[in-house]
Every structure is written in structure tokens, then in C-alpha cells.
Amino acid sequence: MKPDKNFVLMFALALVSFFSATAHADTGYSFTTLNDPNAAYGTYANGMSGNNIVGYYQDVSGAYYGFLYNGTSYTTLNDPIAINGTTSANGIDGNNIVGNYNDSSGYHGFLFNGTTYTPIIDPNATAHTYAQGISGNNIVGYYKDASGENHGFIYNGTSYTTIDDPNASYFGKGEGGTVVTGISGNNIVGYYLDASHMYHGFLYNGTSYTTVNYPNDVFTKLIGISGNNIVGTNSNSGFLYNGTNYTTINDPNATLGTIVEGVSGNSIVGYYYDASGLSQGFLATPTSAATPIPPSFLILVSGLAGMGLLRKKKWA
């Protein structure tokens, strides 16, 4: 029985279309809730390096403690200088962790190498220094000046260099300035407040600043970076920005918002608010919507399509 010419042609072309699309399928995310067993009032995941995640939790007394989660168990981080349970882990690179603690004079950054806590205090700060990210020997964060305004910094283990986006505005009321949040190699991300009190993200490569705004939004904060991937938060959700496209990141368990904080490769961490208003940490890992198809198979299917076209000419 002679096959229907239109069926053969349409089937072959459909295979080409389907498998070509499958080979370039979009990537989704699988969400895993992170909840430190010591937490009573919230878990916040802030940074990630490989399989290690850092953040902080709030216990039954209302005190805050940092944590390190290696995929199996949670280890509490508590800077010995901190008072009243005020330690937060914000960033990690390899075995080195940065974060903040509070003592009688204000908030200060710290570097923890697995054994020793070293204070990170910008000499320009009047009271507060916040260590937010680390990459190799470089630590980034921000400090507050005498007016309470924010200024970013990078610390290379020896000296501090101030990072101020030229578009940032200062109001003398502790409202404006530049906040630096993450670093990957030579690239630094953060956000600034403009003269209209709008937040804008920025990418700084050591020479120039590039403003990054989530499309059609007046609120953009860049928080973490890993290679070409940048994560942040807009008015409604978290997002991933790969330099070209924005992908919305919303934990399906969230009822009151998702905050994205860190990225390592293609994996993302942050926290969301549940119906009770409590925060729950999350890990979002990419899941391919389909298995890539070998190029040799695509060539075969394309050949079928070509045969269909030739047969169509013969049968016409």
C-alpha cells in the first residue's frame, strides 16, 4: 500500500521541529526547602559554593545564628565576639565564609576559615561594616558613613577600596548610596538608590559600571553572581539573569514572596515567606525539560524530511 504523501511529509517535518526544539529545551527548576533544625522563627539561605550553603536562622529566643549546610547536616556558626545571638553568614567560597556579627559598637564583617573568625571592618566605617560576598582572596560588602549612607568596598586581604556607583544619590539621612553584595572573579554586583529613590542593580568589572534593570520594573537589586549568572530580586519575585535573558524564580511554596540571595553555577539559594509569614530557605536546582537529542539523530530525521520533500515533487 502506497503511503499517503502528505502524511509522510508532515510527519517528517514534525519530527524535525519537535526534536530540534527538544534539543534546545528551556530549563526549569526543582525547589528543595532548607530548614535548620534549630530554627523556630525562620531560615534564610544567603550564599552557596558547590554543595555548601550558608545563611542564618532565628531560634526560639529570637537570636540569630549562622549556619553551614553541606547537603546532609547543619553546622551552627557563631562569631565569639558577637553579642545576643547576632551572627549571619552571607557568602562562601571554598572553605571561607563571610558574614556579620554585632557587638557593643555596631555591626561588623567577619571572615571564617573553618577555624578562626577574623573581623572585617572598613576603616571608613563609623559604626557598621557588612561583609556580603567572597571570591578567592577578595571580600566585598558595604559600610555606613557618618550620615548613615552606604558605600561599597572590596578588601583584598590588605587594603580596602571604596566602590560607589556614579549614579548613586545621597540624601544625608541614611537612605542612599551603593550596596555591594556579590563577587565572582573580577565582576562585582550590587545596587544603588537614585535621586528618585528607585533601586537599580549594577555590574562592575573593575573599570566600568553597567546598570541592570529588570524589564518594566522600578525596583531591581542584584544580590549574587557566579560566572555569567546573576541573581536578584525585583518588585514581585526573584530572578536569574544570564546577561541576556531574565528567568523568574518563585518557590511554589511561597505565599508572601520569594527572595533570591545566592548562586553557584546554575543552582540558586534564597528564602520565601509562607502563609504564616515565616521564612523558609530554599535550594533551586535546574531540571532539563527534556533530554538533549544526539546530533546524529537530528541528521537522520532531517534526511527523512528531505526524502518527504523529494517524494512530494515526484508525486506532484
Protein backbone atom coordinates (compact mmCIF):
# COMPACT_ATOMS: atom_id res chain seq x y z
CA MET A 1 0.00 0.00 0.00
CA LYS A 2 1.43 3.35 -1.03
CA PRO A 3 1.89 5.72 1.99
CA ASP A 4 -0.01 8.96 1.95
CA LYS A 5 2.38 11.58 0.59
CA ASN A 6 1.11 14.40 2.83
CA PHE A 7 1.34 12.23 5.95
CA VAL A 8 4.96 11.28 5.26
CA LEU A 9 5.94 14.89 4.65
CA MET A 10 4.10 16.28 7.66
CA PHE A 11 5.38 13.53 9.96
CA ALA A 12 8.99 14.07 8.92
CA LEU A 13 8.79 17.82 9.34
CA ALA A 14 7.07 17.40 12.70
CA LEU A 15 9.94 15.20 13.88
CA VAL A 16 12.47 17.82 12.84
CA SER A 17 10.54 20.56 14.61
CA PHE A 18 9.90 18.54 17.78
CA PHE A 19 13.39 17.15 18.28
CA SER A 20 15.11 20.39 17.35
CA ALA A 21 13.04 22.19 19.98
CA THR A 22 13.74 19.38 22.46
CA ALA A 23 17.49 19.69 21.93
CA HIS A 24 17.25 23.34 22.93
CA ALA A 25 14.60 22.96 25.62
CA ASP A 26 14.26 25.57 28.31
CA THR A 27 15.49 24.70 31.78
CA GLY A 28 13.20 24.70 34.80
CA TYR A 29 13.97 24.43 38.50
CA SER A 30 13.30 21.93 41.24
CA PHE A 31 12.89 23.50 44.69
CA THR A 32 14.04 21.97 47.97
CA THR A 33 13.12 23.59 51.27
CA LEU A 34 16.00 24.31 53.68
CA ASN A 35 15.06 24.47 57.34
CA ASP A 36 17.75 24.49 60.01
CA PRO A 37 16.58 22.13 62.80
CA ASN A 38 17.42 24.82 65.38
CA ALA A 39 15.19 27.38 63.68
CA ALA A 40 11.96 28.46 65.35
CA TYR A 41 11.20 31.69 63.51
CA GLY A 42 12.88 31.35 60.15
CA THR A 43 15.73 30.04 58.00
CA TYR A 44 17.49 32.29 55.48
CA ALA A 45 19.80 30.82 52.81
CA ASN A 46 22.21 33.53 51.63
CA GLY A 47 25.12 32.04 49.73
CA MET A 48 26.36 28.93 48.00
CA SER A 49 29.63 27.39 46.80
CA GLY A 50 29.46 23.96 45.24
CA ASN A 51 27.30 21.84 47.55
CA ASN A 52 27.81 24.07 50.57
CA ILE A 53 25.16 26.60 51.58
CA VAL A 54 25.39 29.32 54.22
CA GLY A 55 22.83 31.55 55.85
CA TYR A 56 21.30 32.14 59.25
CA TYR A 57 18.36 31.07 61.36
CA GLN A 58 16.36 32.56 64.23
CA ASP A 59 15.89 30.38 67.29
CA VAL A 60 13.10 30.27 69.87
CA SER A 61 14.64 33.14 71.85
CA GLY A 62 14.77 35.39 68.79
CA ALA A 63 18.57 35.17 68.50
CA TYR A 64 20.25 34.82 65.10
CA TYR A 65 22.98 32.32 64.29
CA GLY A 66 24.73 31.48 61.06
CA PHE A 67 24.73 28.01 59.57
CA LEU A 68 26.70 25.92 57.10
CA TYR A 69 24.77 23.17 55.32
CA ASN A 70 26.76 20.60 53.36
CA GLY A 71 23.78 18.84 51.83
CA THR A 72 23.41 16.47 54.76
CA SER A 73 23.89 18.26 58.06
CA TYR A 74 23.74 21.78 59.50
CA THR A 75 26.61 23.33 61.47
CA THR A 76 25.92 26.42 63.60
CA LEU A 77 28.21 29.42 63.09
CA ASN A 78 28.59 31.86 65.98
CA ASP A 79 31.27 34.53 65.98
CA PRO A 80 32.70 34.52 69.53
CA ILE A 81 32.72 38.32 69.61
CA ALA A 82 29.02 38.55 68.74
CA ILE A 83 26.59 39.54 71.48
CA ASN A 84 22.99 38.43 71.97
CA GLY A 85 22.99 35.93 69.12
CA THR A 86 23.73 38.17 66.17
CA THR A 87 25.76 36.16 63.64
CA SER A 88 24.78 35.92 59.98
CA ALA A 89 26.68 34.00 57.28
CA ASN A 90 26.29 35.71 53.90
CA GLY A 91 28.79 34.34 51.40
CA ILE A 92 31.06 31.35 50.84
CA ASP A 93 33.89 30.38 48.51
CA GLY A 94 35.52 27.03 49.12
CA ASN A 95 36.23 26.78 52.86
CA ASN A 96 36.00 30.51 53.50
CA ILE A 97 32.81 32.11 54.81
CA VAL A 98 31.99 35.78 55.27
CA GLY A 99 29.20 37.36 57.24
CA ASN A 100 28.31 39.79 60.00
CA TYR A 101 28.18 39.96 63.77
CA ASN A 102 27.07 42.62 66.21
CA ASP A 103 28.96 43.86 69.25
CA SER A 104 28.56 46.86 71.52
CA SER A 105 29.90 49.22 68.84
CA GLY A 106 27.80 48.08 65.87
CA TYR A 107 27.75 45.56 63.07
CA HIS A 108 31.00 44.24 61.65
CA GLY A 109 32.00 41.78 58.98
CA PHE A 110 33.92 38.58 59.58
CA LEU A 111 35.93 36.01 57.66
CA PHE A 112 35.75 32.44 58.94
CA ASN A 113 38.20 29.92 57.51
CA GLY A 114 36.76 26.91 59.30
CA THR A 115 38.79 27.54 62.42
CA THR A 116 39.26 31.24 63.09
CA TYR A 117 36.99 34.29 62.87
CA THR A 118 38.73 37.45 61.62
CA PRO A 119 36.93 40.83 61.84
CA ILE A 120 36.34 42.68 58.56
CA ILE A 121 35.97 46.39 59.35
CA ASP A 122 36.32 49.06 56.67
CA PRO A 123 38.42 51.95 58.09
CA ASN A 124 35.98 54.45 56.57
CA ALA A 125 33.06 53.00 58.51
CA THR A 126 31.76 54.90 61.51
CA ALA A 127 29.83 52.03 63.03
CA HIS A 128 28.77 49.34 60.58
CA THR A 129 30.57 47.12 58.06
CA TYR A 130 28.74 44.31 56.27
CA ALA A 131 30.71 41.54 54.53
CA GLN A 132 28.50 40.09 51.80
CA GLY A 133 30.49 38.06 49.31
CA ILE A 134 33.85 36.40 48.72
CA SER A 135 35.78 35.14 45.70
CA GLY A 136 39.32 33.89 46.23
CA ASN A 137 41.14 36.45 48.40
CA ASN A 138 38.67 39.24 47.68
CA ILE A 139 35.83 40.15 50.02
CA VAL A 140 33.08 42.60 49.13
CA GLY A 141 30.38 44.34 51.11
CA TYR A 142 29.39 47.80 52.21
CA TYR A 143 29.78 50.19 55.12
CA LYS A 144 27.89 53.15 56.50
CA ASP A 145 29.42 56.60 56.82
CA ALA A 146 28.74 59.28 59.45
CA SER A 147 25.44 60.16 57.76
CA GLY A 148 24.39 56.54 57.61
CA GLU A 149 24.78 56.43 53.84
CA ASN A 150 26.01 53.24 52.14
CA HIS A 151 29.30 52.75 50.32
CA GLY A 152 30.52 49.52 48.76
CA PHE A 153 34.00 48.14 49.29
CA ILE A 154 36.37 45.42 48.14
CA TYR A 155 39.00 44.08 50.50
CA ASN A 156 41.92 42.09 49.07
CA GLY A 157 43.33 40.93 52.39
CA THR A 158 45.50 44.02 52.73
CA SER A 159 43.63 47.15 51.73
CA TYR A 160 40.08 48.42 51.29
CA THR A 161 38.90 50.13 48.12
CA THR A 162 35.61 52.04 48.08
CA ILE A 163 33.09 51.17 45.36
CA ASP A 164 30.49 53.86 44.63
CA ASP A 165 28.28 53.66 41.57
CA PRO A 166 28.42 57.13 39.91
CA ASN A 167 24.62 57.09 39.54
CA ALA A 168 24.02 56.69 43.27
CA SER A 169 22.40 59.53 45.22
CA TYR A 170 22.97 60.50 48.83
CA PHE A 171 20.39 62.21 50.99
CA GLY A 172 22.24 62.58 54.28
CA LYS A 173 19.56 60.61 56.07
CA GLY A 174 20.94 57.12 55.85
CA GLU A 175 18.85 56.34 52.79
CA GLY A 176 21.08 56.43 49.73
CA GLY A 177 24.32 55.17 48.33
CA THR A 178 25.78 51.97 46.95
CA VAL A 179 25.43 48.46 48.35
CA VAL A 180 27.83 45.77 47.10
CA THR A 181 26.52 42.25 47.51
CA GLY A 182 28.46 39.72 45.45
CA ILE A 183 31.66 38.94 43.59
CA SER A 184 32.84 36.33 41.09
CA GLY A 185 36.35 36.72 39.75
CA ASN A 186 36.72 40.36 38.67
CA ASN A 187 32.99 41.04 38.45
CA ILE A 188 31.06 42.67 41.28
CA VAL A 189 27.32 43.17 41.65
CA GLY A 190 25.10 45.24 43.90
CA TYR A 191 22.52 48.00 43.76
CA TYR A 192 22.19 51.73 44.29
CA LEU A 193 19.48 54.26 45.08
CA ASP A 194 18.95 57.07 42.58
CA ALA A 195 17.67 60.63 43.06
CA SER A 196 14.07 59.43 42.64
CA HIS A 197 14.50 56.83 45.37
CA MET A 198 14.44 53.99 42.83
CA TYR A 199 16.69 50.94 43.20
CA HIS A 200 18.85 49.81 40.29
CA GLY A 201 21.20 46.87 40.03
CA PHE A 202 24.73 47.26 38.70
CA LEU A 203 27.58 45.15 37.41
CA TYR A 204 31.12 46.48 37.96
CA ASN A 205 34.06 44.85 36.16
CA GLY A 206 36.77 46.81 37.94
CA THR A 207 36.69 49.62 35.40
CA SER A 208 33.15 50.50 34.42
CA TYR A 209 29.64 50.26 35.86
CA THR A 210 26.73 48.79 33.93
CA THR A 211 23.22 49.43 35.21
CA VAL A 212 20.97 46.36 35.24
CA ASN A 213 17.22 46.89 35.46
CA TYR A 214 14.61 44.15 35.44
CA PRO A 215 12.33 44.91 32.45
CA ASN A 216 9.39 47.20 33.18
CA ASP A 217 10.21 47.44 36.87
CA VAL A 218 11.36 50.34 39.04
CA PHE A 219 12.94 48.08 41.65
CA THR A 220 15.99 45.92 40.92
CA LYS A 221 18.52 44.57 43.41
CA LEU A 222 21.37 42.32 42.28
CA ILE A 223 22.49 40.07 45.12
CA GLY A 224 24.70 37.23 43.86
CA ILE A 225 26.91 36.31 40.93
CA SER A 226 28.60 33.16 39.65
CA GLY A 227 30.33 33.39 36.29
CA ASN A 228 27.80 34.85 33.85
CA ASN A 229 24.82 34.15 36.10
CA ILE A 230 23.45 36.92 38.29
CA VAL A 231 20.57 36.62 40.74
CA GLY A 232 18.48 39.28 42.38
CA THR A 233 15.06 40.48 43.36
CA ASN A 234 12.54 42.77 41.68
CA SER A 235 9.22 44.15 42.90
CA ASN A 236 7.44 40.81 42.73
CA SER A 237 9.88 37.92 42.71
CA GLY A 238 13.41 36.65 42.48
CA PHE A 239 15.15 36.27 39.13
CA LEU A 240 18.14 34.85 37.32
CA TYR A 241 19.87 36.99 34.69
CA ASN A 242 22.41 35.34 32.38
CA GLY A 243 23.49 38.54 30.63
CA THR A 244 20.75 38.27 28.03
CA ASN A 245 17.57 36.79 29.46
CA TYR A 246 15.70 37.02 32.76
CA THR A 247 14.17 33.94 34.37
CA THR A 248 11.66 34.37 37.17
CA ILE A 249 12.45 32.41 40.33
CA ASN A 250 9.43 31.78 42.56
CA ASP A 251 9.34 28.98 45.10
CA PRO A 252 6.00 27.18 44.61
CA ASN A 253 5.53 27.05 48.39
CA ALA A 254 5.76 30.83 48.71
CA THR A 255 2.62 32.75 49.55
CA LEU A 256 4.16 36.07 50.57
CA GLY A 257 7.17 36.39 48.28
CA THR A 258 10.45 34.80 47.18
CA ILE A 259 13.84 36.41 47.83
CA VAL A 260 16.83 35.17 45.83
CA GLU A 261 20.20 35.58 47.54
CA GLY A 262 22.93 33.42 46.05
CA VAL A 263 24.02 31.40 43.03
CA SER A 264 26.67 28.78 42.32
CA GLY A 265 26.85 27.64 38.73
CA ASN A 266 23.20 27.14 37.81
CA SER A 267 21.94 26.42 41.34
CA ILE A 268 20.22 29.14 43.33
CA VAL A 269 19.52 29.71 47.02
CA GLY A 270 17.32 32.13 48.90
CA TYR A 271 14.24 32.10 51.06
CA TYR A 272 10.49 32.51 50.79
CA TYR A 273 7.71 33.55 53.13
CA ASP A 274 4.96 31.08 53.87
CA ALA A 275 1.32 31.72 54.79
CA SER A 276 2.32 32.31 58.43
CA GLY A 277 4.83 34.96 57.46
CA LEU A 278 7.78 32.76 58.44
CA SER A 279 10.80 32.46 56.19
CA GLN A 280 11.95 29.13 54.77
CA GLY A 281 15.22 28.68 52.94
CA PHE A 282 15.28 27.02 49.53
CA LEU A 283 17.65 25.46 47.05
CA ALA A 284 16.62 25.65 43.39
CA THR A 285 18.43 23.27 41.06
CA PRO A 286 17.98 23.22 37.27
CA THR A 287 15.99 20.39 35.76
CA SER A 288 16.03 19.99 31.98
CA ALA A 289 12.58 19.88 30.47
CA ALA A 290 13.79 17.16 28.09
CA THR A 291 16.83 15.06 27.29
CA PRO A 292 19.07 16.53 24.58
CA ILE A 293 18.91 14.63 21.31
CA PRO A 294 22.17 13.43 19.66
CA PRO A 295 23.08 15.44 16.54
CA SER A 296 23.28 12.20 14.50
CA PHE A 297 19.60 11.53 15.20
CA LEU A 298 18.66 15.03 14.10
CA ILE A 299 20.55 14.44 10.85
CA LEU A 300 18.59 11.23 10.32
CA VAL A 301 15.26 12.94 10.93
CA SER A 302 16.26 15.81 8.66
CA GLY A 303 17.01 13.23 5.99
CA LEU A 304 13.52 11.83 6.35
CA ALA A 305 12.12 15.29 5.88
CA GLY A 306 14.24 15.76 2.79
CA MET A 307 13.02 12.47 1.37
CA GLY A 308 9.48 13.62 2.00
CA LEU A 309 10.10 16.79 0.07
CA LEU A 310 11.65 14.91 -2.85
CA ARG A 311 8.81 12.38 -2.87
CA LYS A 312 6.34 15.24 -2.87
CA LYS A 313 7.89 16.61 -6.07
CA LYS A 314 7.77 13.18 -7.70
CA TRP A 315 4.15 12.59 -6.72
CA ALA A 316 3.01 16.05 -7.64
